[in-house]
Structures are given as structure tokens and as C-alpha cells.
Protein backbone atom coordinates (compact mmCIF):
# COMPACT_ATOMS: atom_id res chain seq x y z
CA MET A 1 0.00 0.00 0.00
CA ALA A 2 2.81 2.43 0.86
CA ALA A 3 4.60 1.69 -2.44
CA ASN A 4 1.43 2.47 -4.46
CA LEU A 5 0.90 5.74 -2.62
CA ARG A 6 4.54 6.68 -3.16
CA ASN A 7 4.32 6.01 -6.91
CA MET A 8 1.05 7.94 -7.35
CA SER A 9 2.16 11.02 -5.41
CA PRO A 10 3.98 13.94 -7.14
CA VAL A 11 5.55 14.80 -3.78
CA HIS A 12 8.54 12.94 -2.41
CA LEU A 13 8.16 12.75 1.37
CA VAL A 14 10.39 11.36 4.08
CA ALA A 15 8.92 11.34 7.57
CA ALA A 16 9.71 10.06 11.02
CA GLU A 17 7.45 9.86 14.06
CA THR A 18 8.78 9.05 17.50
CA LYS A 19 7.24 8.64 20.93
CA ASN A 20 9.42 8.60 24.01
CA ALA A 21 8.62 8.15 27.69
CA PHE A 22 11.01 8.38 30.59
CA ASN A 23 11.28 8.94 34.32
CA GLY A 24 13.77 11.58 35.35
CA THR A 25 14.52 15.28 35.46
CA TRP A 26 13.87 17.86 32.74
CA GLY A 27 15.66 21.19 33.09
CA MET A 28 15.15 24.47 31.25
CA GLU A 29 17.15 27.67 31.37
CA SER A 30 16.19 30.99 29.78
CA ARG A 31 17.67 34.46 29.65
CA TRP A 32 16.29 37.82 28.54
CA HIS A 33 18.59 40.80 28.35
CA GLU A 34 17.89 44.29 27.09
CA ILE A 35 20.54 46.94 27.59
CA PHE A 36 19.76 49.29 30.50
CA THR A 37 16.22 47.92 30.98
CA LYS A 38 15.99 44.18 31.67
CA ASP A 39 18.21 41.37 32.81
CA ILE A 40 16.09 38.32 33.61
CA GLU A 41 17.33 34.76 34.16
CA SER A 42 15.13 31.74 34.85
CA ARG A 43 15.97 28.15 35.72
CA GLN A 44 13.29 25.50 36.08
CA ILE A 45 13.69 21.84 36.95
CA PHE A 46 10.86 19.31 36.70
CA THR A 47 11.05 15.78 38.06
CA GLY A 48 8.63 12.99 37.19
CA LYS A 49 7.40 10.86 34.29
CA PHE A 50 7.54 12.53 30.86
CA GLU A 51 6.19 11.65 27.42
CA ALA A 52 7.26 13.33 24.20
CA GLU A 53 5.94 12.96 20.64
CA LYS A 54 7.83 14.25 17.62
CA THR A 55 7.02 14.32 13.89
CA ILE A 56 9.58 15.39 11.30
CA LYS A 57 8.67 15.67 7.60
CA PHE A 58 10.90 16.53 4.62
CA HIS A 59 9.18 17.42 1.32
CA GLU A 60 11.25 17.32 -1.86
CA ALA A 61 8.72 18.99 -4.20
CA PRO A 62 5.55 20.19 -2.41
CA VAL A 63 2.48 20.93 -4.49
CA LYS A 64 1.82 24.67 -5.00
CA GLY A 65 -0.90 26.12 -2.79
CA ASP A 66 -0.31 23.53 -0.07
CA ALA A 67 1.03 25.98 2.51
CA HIS A 68 1.40 24.94 6.14
CA LYS A 69 1.38 27.22 9.14
CA GLY A 70 4.44 27.05 11.39
CA CYS A 71 2.47 25.85 14.42
CA GLU A 72 0.00 23.54 12.70
CA GLY A 73 -0.80 20.58 14.95
CA ILE A 74 1.54 21.77 17.68
CA ASP A 75 0.72 23.65 20.88
CA CYS A 76 2.37 27.02 20.36
């Protein structure tokens, strides 16, 4: 079925979907600096059970008019 779809489609697509789950610690660090006005640093550490889903798609020749928004399907 996948081979038939690949042969019929004018678009060459390579995609990967992954799902990961782990127990542990997730840390984030952020900085915001504006000269003479702001100098903010933030460090956050979360401990627990985490799940992550990721989809990556590469299009070789997308069909015209098939524009995608940057945050489509993702919580932005």
C-alpha cells in the first residue's frame, strides 16, 4: 500500500514519528537581556514521568498552494 501511494504522489516525502517516555529530570534555562532595561534569568527543573511525541517531515517537491502554518498541529 505504501509503495502504491509513493508512486502515485507527485511529492517525495520522508517522515519520522517518535514517541518517548522516561522517568527523570527535565531542566530548562532561559535568559532575557535588554541593555539598561531588563536582565532576567530563569531556571526551572521538573522531576517525574515525561512523554514526548515528535514528527519530522521533509518534502522534496511540495504541491503549490499547499502551505502549512508554522504551528499547525503543535501547541504554540
